[in-house]
Amino acid sequence: MTNKADTPNHRDDIRIVLTTCGTTEQAQAIATDLLSAELVACVNLLPPMQSIYRWQGEICNETEVQLVIKTREQHVEAIKRWLNEHHPYETPEVLVLSVADASLAYHQWIKEVC
């Protein structure tokens, strides 16, 4: 008999939070602070990329670092608050994505660390 908590639809509390910042150093500081607060299991820092966007009526072209933040649903609001209070941008990107499924081992690991 399968434990209900082990079925895929009961492992859907994993969330991916996306944000960007201007430098690798800023990204590392954000990742370290979120990990220290035990709000996240892992933060991937993607290599610097070009972002082209509209800001205050101007088209901007900047180098940014993408953070891919792995967490659980129960921590999302605290992460959003933390990013809004500490992020170096006036209006940080904060996108929350639901994960449809994950391996049981990965889900267990996330539950253990955050």
N, C-alpha and C. Protein backbone atom coordinates (compact mmCIF):
# COMPACT_ATOMS: atom_id res chain seq x y z
N MET A 1 0.84 -1.18 0.00
CA MET A 1 0.00 0.00 0.00
C MET A 1 0.89 1.24 0.00
N THR A 2 0.57 2.19 -0.84
CA THR A 2 1.35 3.42 -0.96
C THR A 2 0.91 4.42 0.10
N ASN A 3 1.89 5.02 0.74
CA ASN A 3 1.62 6.08 1.69
C ASN A 3 1.14 7.30 0.91
N LYS A 4 0.01 7.87 1.30
CA LYS A 4 -0.56 9.01 0.58
C LYS A 4 0.43 10.17 0.46
N ALA A 5 1.26 10.37 1.47
CA ALA A 5 2.24 11.47 1.43
C ALA A 5 3.33 11.22 0.40
N ASP A 6 3.48 9.98 -0.08
CA ASP A 6 4.51 9.66 -1.05
C ASP A 6 4.02 9.75 -2.50
N THR A 7 2.74 9.95 -2.70
CA THR A 7 2.24 10.02 -4.06
C THR A 7 2.57 11.39 -4.65
N PRO A 8 2.75 11.47 -5.98
CA PRO A 8 3.17 12.72 -6.60
C PRO A 8 2.33 13.93 -6.22
N ASN A 9 1.01 13.78 -6.16
CA ASN A 9 0.19 14.96 -5.88
C ASN A 9 0.31 15.43 -4.43
N HIS A 10 1.00 14.70 -3.59
CA HIS A 10 1.25 15.16 -2.23
C HIS A 10 2.69 15.64 -2.08
N ARG A 11 3.40 15.72 -3.18
CA ARG A 11 4.75 16.29 -3.17
C ARG A 11 4.74 17.62 -3.92
N ASP A 12 3.56 18.22 -4.05
CA ASP A 12 3.45 19.44 -4.84
C ASP A 12 3.60 20.70 -4.00
N ASP A 13 4.14 20.60 -2.79
CA ASP A 13 4.35 21.79 -1.98
C ASP A 13 5.69 22.46 -2.28
N ILE A 14 6.44 21.94 -3.23
CA ILE A 14 7.71 22.57 -3.63
C ILE A 14 7.39 23.79 -4.49
N ARG A 15 8.12 24.86 -4.23
CA ARG A 15 7.97 26.08 -5.01
C ARG A 15 9.34 26.52 -5.52
N ILE A 16 9.33 27.13 -6.69
CA ILE A 16 10.51 27.77 -7.25
C ILE A 16 10.22 29.27 -7.23
N VAL A 17 11.10 30.03 -6.62
CA VAL A 17 10.97 31.48 -6.60
C VAL A 17 12.10 32.03 -7.47
N LEU A 18 11.74 32.89 -8.40
CA LEU A 18 12.73 33.50 -9.28
C LEU A 18 12.91 34.96 -8.93
N THR A 19 14.16 35.39 -8.92
CA THR A 19 14.46 36.81 -8.78
C THR A 19 15.78 37.06 -9.51
N THR A 20 16.05 38.31 -9.79
CA THR A 20 17.31 38.69 -10.42
C THR A 20 17.94 39.80 -9.60
N CYS A 21 19.25 39.94 -9.75
CA CYS A 21 19.94 41.09 -9.17
C CYS A 21 21.11 41.45 -10.08
N GLY A 22 21.77 42.55 -9.77
CA GLY A 22 22.75 43.12 -10.67
C GLY A 22 24.11 42.47 -10.69
N THR A 23 24.50 41.81 -9.60
CA THR A 23 25.84 41.23 -9.54
C THR A 23 25.82 39.86 -8.88
N THR A 24 26.86 39.10 -9.16
CA THR A 24 27.01 37.79 -8.53
C THR A 24 27.14 37.95 -7.02
N GLU A 25 27.83 38.98 -6.58
CA GLU A 25 28.01 39.21 -5.14
C GLU A 25 26.67 39.46 -4.45
N GLN A 26 25.81 40.26 -5.08
CA GLN A 26 24.47 40.48 -4.51
C GLN A 26 23.69 39.18 -4.46
N ALA A 27 23.78 38.40 -5.52
CA ALA A 27 23.06 37.11 -5.58
C ALA A 27 23.56 36.17 -4.50
N GLN A 28 24.87 36.11 -4.30
CA GLN A 28 25.44 35.25 -3.26
C GLN A 28 24.97 35.68 -1.88
N ALA A 29 24.91 36.98 -1.64
CA ALA A 29 24.46 37.49 -0.34
C ALA A 29 22.99 37.13 -0.09
N ILE A 30 22.15 37.29 -1.10
CA ILE A 30 20.73 36.93 -0.97
C ILE A 30 20.61 35.44 -0.67
N ALA A 31 21.31 34.62 -1.44
CA ALA A 31 21.25 33.16 -1.25
C ALA A 31 21.69 32.77 0.16
N THR A 32 22.79 33.33 0.61
CA THR A 32 23.32 33.00 1.93
C THR A 32 22.35 33.41 3.03
N ASP A 33 21.77 34.60 2.92
CA ASP A 33 20.82 35.07 3.93
C ASP A 33 19.57 34.19 3.98
N LEU A 34 19.04 33.82 2.82
CA LEU A 34 17.84 32.97 2.79
C LEU A 34 18.14 31.58 3.34
N LEU A 35 19.32 31.04 3.02
CA LEU A 35 19.71 29.74 3.56
C LEU A 35 19.92 29.81 5.06
N SER A 36 20.56 30.87 5.54
CA SER A 36 20.79 31.04 6.98
C SER A 36 19.48 31.13 7.75
N ALA A 37 18.47 31.73 7.14
CA ALA A 37 17.16 31.85 7.77
C ALA A 37 16.33 30.56 7.66
N GLU A 38 16.89 29.54 7.01
CA GLU A 38 16.23 28.24 6.80
C GLU A 38 14.90 28.37 6.07
N LEU A 39 14.85 29.34 5.15
CA LEU A 39 13.66 29.53 4.33
C LEU A 39 13.73 28.79 3.01
N VAL A 40 14.93 28.36 2.64
CA VAL A 40 15.13 27.73 1.33
C VAL A 40 16.01 26.50 1.48
N ALA A 41 15.89 25.60 0.52
CA ALA A 41 16.75 24.41 0.50
C ALA A 41 17.98 24.64 -0.35
N CYS A 42 17.83 25.42 -1.42
CA CYS A 42 18.91 25.60 -2.39
C CYS A 42 18.63 26.85 -3.20
N VAL A 43 19.70 27.52 -3.61
CA VAL A 43 19.57 28.64 -4.54
C VAL A 43 20.62 28.44 -5.63
N ASN A 44 20.15 28.35 -6.86
CA ASN A 44 21.06 28.28 -8.00
C ASN A 44 21.27 29.68 -8.54
N LEU A 45 22.52 30.03 -8.79
CA LEU A 45 22.85 31.31 -9.40
C LEU A 45 23.26 31.03 -10.84
N LEU A 46 22.48 31.52 -11.77
CA LEU A 46 22.80 31.31 -13.18
C LEU A 46 23.83 32.34 -13.63
N PRO A 47 24.60 32.01 -14.65
CA PRO A 47 25.63 32.95 -15.12
C PRO A 47 25.00 34.29 -15.51
N PRO A 48 25.78 35.35 -15.41
CA PRO A 48 25.25 36.66 -15.81
C PRO A 48 24.63 36.60 -17.21
N MET A 49 23.54 37.32 -17.37
CA MET A 49 22.79 37.34 -18.62
C MET A 49 22.39 38.77 -18.93
N GLN A 50 21.99 39.02 -20.14
CA GLN A 50 21.49 40.33 -20.52
C GLN A 50 19.99 40.37 -20.31
N SER A 51 19.52 41.41 -19.66
CA SER A 51 18.09 41.64 -19.49
C SER A 51 17.74 42.95 -20.19
N ILE A 52 16.75 42.89 -21.04
CA ILE A 52 16.28 44.08 -21.74
C ILE A 52 14.83 44.28 -21.30
N TYR A 53 14.57 45.46 -20.73
CA TYR A 53 13.26 45.69 -20.12
C TYR A 53 12.92 47.17 -20.16
N ARG A 54 11.67 47.46 -19.93
CA ARG A 54 11.22 48.85 -19.85
C ARG A 54 11.16 49.25 -18.38
N TRP A 55 11.74 50.39 -18.04
CA TRP A 55 11.72 50.90 -16.67
C TRP A 55 11.57 52.41 -16.72
N GLN A 56 10.52 52.91 -16.12
CA GLN A 56 10.23 54.34 -16.04
C GLN A 56 10.30 55.01 -17.41
N GLY A 57 9.68 54.37 -18.40
CA GLY A 57 9.58 54.93 -19.73
C GLY A 57 10.79 54.74 -20.62
N GLU A 58 11.84 54.14 -20.11
CA GLU A 58 13.06 53.91 -20.88
C GLU A 58 13.25 52.43 -21.14
N ILE A 59 13.88 52.10 -22.25
CA ILE A 59 14.28 50.72 -22.50
C ILE A 59 15.69 50.56 -21.95
N CYS A 60 15.84 49.61 -21.04
CA CYS A 60 17.12 49.37 -20.36
C CYS A 60 17.72 48.06 -20.84
N ASN A 61 19.03 48.00 -20.86
CA ASN A 61 19.77 46.80 -21.24
C ASN A 61 20.86 46.62 -20.19
N GLU A 62 20.67 45.66 -19.31
CA GLU A 62 21.57 45.47 -18.17
C GLU A 62 22.00 44.02 -18.03
N THR A 63 23.13 43.82 -17.39
CA THR A 63 23.57 42.48 -17.01
C THR A 63 22.95 42.14 -15.66
N GLU A 64 22.37 40.94 -15.56
CA GLU A 64 21.77 40.50 -14.31
C GLU A 64 22.13 39.04 -14.04
N VAL A 65 21.97 38.65 -12.78
CA VAL A 65 22.16 37.27 -12.35
C VAL A 65 20.79 36.74 -11.93
N GLN A 66 20.41 35.59 -12.47
CA GLN A 66 19.13 34.96 -12.12
C GLN A 66 19.33 34.03 -10.93
N LEU A 67 18.48 34.16 -9.91
CA LEU A 67 18.46 33.25 -8.79
C LEU A 67 17.27 32.31 -8.95
N VAL A 68 17.50 31.02 -8.83
CA VAL A 68 16.46 30.00 -8.86
C VAL A 68 16.40 29.43 -7.44
N ILE A 69 15.38 29.81 -6.71
CA ILE A 69 15.27 29.52 -5.28
C ILE A 69 14.31 28.35 -5.09
N LYS A 70 14.79 27.27 -4.44
CA LYS A 70 13.96 26.09 -4.18
C LYS A 70 13.50 26.12 -2.72
N THR A 71 12.20 26.02 -2.52
CA THR A 71 11.65 26.11 -1.17
C THR A 71 10.34 25.32 -1.09
N ARG A 72 9.66 25.49 0.04
CA ARG A 72 8.35 24.87 0.25
C ARG A 72 7.30 25.97 0.32
N GLU A 73 6.08 25.59 0.00
CA GLU A 73 4.98 26.55 -0.04
C GLU A 73 4.87 27.35 1.26
N GLN A 74 5.10 26.71 2.39
CA GLN A 74 4.94 27.37 3.68
C GLN A 74 5.91 28.53 3.90
N HIS A 75 6.99 28.61 3.11
CA HIS A 75 7.98 29.68 3.28
C HIS A 75 7.85 30.80 2.25
N VAL A 76 6.96 30.66 1.30
CA VAL A 76 6.89 31.62 0.19
C VAL A 76 6.60 33.04 0.67
N GLU A 77 5.64 33.23 1.54
CA GLU A 77 5.31 34.59 1.99
C GLU A 77 6.47 35.23 2.72
N ALA A 78 7.18 34.47 3.55
CA ALA A 78 8.34 35.00 4.27
C ALA A 78 9.45 35.37 3.29
N ILE A 79 9.64 34.57 2.26
CA ILE A 79 10.66 34.88 1.24
C ILE A 79 10.28 36.15 0.49
N LYS A 80 9.02 36.27 0.12
CA LYS A 80 8.57 37.48 -0.58
C LYS A 80 8.79 38.72 0.29
N ARG A 81 8.45 38.62 1.57
CA ARG A 81 8.67 39.75 2.49
C ARG A 81 10.16 40.08 2.57
N TRP A 82 10.98 39.03 2.74
CA TRP A 82 12.42 39.24 2.86
C TRP A 82 12.96 39.93 1.60
N LEU A 83 12.59 39.44 0.44
CA LEU A 83 13.07 40.05 -0.81
C LEU A 83 12.60 41.50 -0.95
N ASN A 84 11.36 41.77 -0.61
CA ASN A 84 10.87 43.15 -0.70
C ASN A 84 11.57 44.09 0.27
N GLU A 85 12.02 43.58 1.41
CA GLU A 85 12.71 44.41 2.40
C GLU A 85 14.21 44.54 2.14
N HIS A 86 14.86 43.51 1.59
CA HIS A 86 16.31 43.49 1.51
C HIS A 86 16.90 43.52 0.11
N HIS A 87 16.08 43.31 -0.89
CA HIS A 87 16.59 43.24 -2.26
C HIS A 87 17.13 44.61 -2.67
N PRO A 88 18.25 44.64 -3.42
CA PRO A 88 18.82 45.92 -3.82
C PRO A 88 17.98 46.69 -4.84
N TYR A 89 17.04 46.04 -5.52
CA TYR A 89 16.21 46.72 -6.51
C TYR A 89 15.01 47.37 -5.85
N GLU A 90 14.58 48.48 -6.41
CA GLU A 90 13.37 49.15 -5.95
C GLU A 90 12.14 48.27 -6.17
N THR A 91 12.09 47.59 -7.30
CA THR A 91 10.99 46.69 -7.64
C THR A 91 11.58 45.36 -8.08
N PRO A 92 11.90 44.49 -7.13
CA PRO A 92 12.53 43.22 -7.51
C PRO A 92 11.56 42.27 -8.21
N GLU A 93 12.11 41.48 -9.11
CA GLU A 93 11.34 40.38 -9.69
C GLU A 93 11.13 39.35 -8.59
N VAL A 94 9.89 38.98 -8.35
CA VAL A 94 9.58 37.89 -7.42
C VAL A 94 8.47 37.07 -8.07
N LEU A 95 8.87 36.00 -8.72
CA LEU A 95 7.93 35.11 -9.40
C LEU A 95 7.93 33.77 -8.67
N VAL A 96 6.76 33.26 -8.36
CA VAL A 96 6.63 32.00 -7.64
C VAL A 96 5.99 30.97 -8.57
N LEU A 97 6.70 29.86 -8.78
CA LEU A 97 6.22 28.80 -9.66
C LEU A 97 5.91 27.56 -8.84
N SER A 98 4.80 26.93 -9.13
CA SER A 98 4.46 25.65 -8.50
C SER A 98 5.16 24.53 -9.24
N VAL A 99 5.56 23.52 -8.51
CA VAL A 99 6.19 22.33 -9.09
C VAL A 99 5.13 21.23 -9.12
N ALA A 100 4.86 20.70 -10.29
CA ALA A 100 3.81 19.69 -10.43
C ALA A 100 4.20 18.38 -9.77
N ASP A 101 5.48 18.05 -9.78
CA ASP A 101 5.93 16.79 -9.21
C ASP A 101 7.44 16.88 -8.99
N ALA A 102 7.94 16.00 -8.16
CA ALA A 102 9.38 15.91 -7.88
C ALA A 102 9.67 14.50 -7.42
N SER A 103 10.92 14.11 -7.51
CA SER A 103 11.27 12.79 -7.01
C SER A 103 11.04 12.76 -5.50
N LEU A 104 10.71 11.59 -5.00
CA LEU A 104 10.48 11.43 -3.57
C LEU A 104 11.72 11.82 -2.77
N ALA A 105 12.89 11.40 -3.22
CA ALA A 105 14.13 11.71 -2.50
C ALA A 105 14.37 13.22 -2.44
N TYR A 106 14.16 13.92 -3.55
CA TYR A 106 14.37 15.37 -3.57
C TYR A 106 13.36 16.06 -2.66
N HIS A 107 12.12 15.63 -2.70
CA HIS A 107 11.09 16.20 -1.84
C HIS A 107 11.44 15.99 -0.37
N GLN A 108 11.88 14.80 -0.02
CA GLN A 108 12.27 14.52 1.37
C GLN A 108 13.41 15.42 1.80
N TRP A 109 14.39 15.61 0.91
CA TRP A 109 15.53 16.47 1.24
C TRP A 109 15.07 17.90 1.50
N ILE A 110 14.21 18.43 0.64
CA ILE A 110 13.71 19.79 0.84
C ILE A 110 12.97 19.89 2.17
N LYS A 111 12.14 18.90 2.50
CA LYS A 111 11.42 18.91 3.77
C LYS A 111 12.37 18.90 4.97
N GLU A 112 13.51 18.22 4.83
CA GLU A 112 14.47 18.13 5.93
C GLU A 112 15.22 19.43 6.16
N VAL A 113 15.49 20.19 5.10
CA VAL A 113 16.37 21.34 5.25
C VAL A 113 15.66 22.68 5.33
N CYS A 114 14.38 22.72 5.01
CA CYS A 114 13.68 24.01 5.16
C CYS A 114 12.22 23.80 5.49
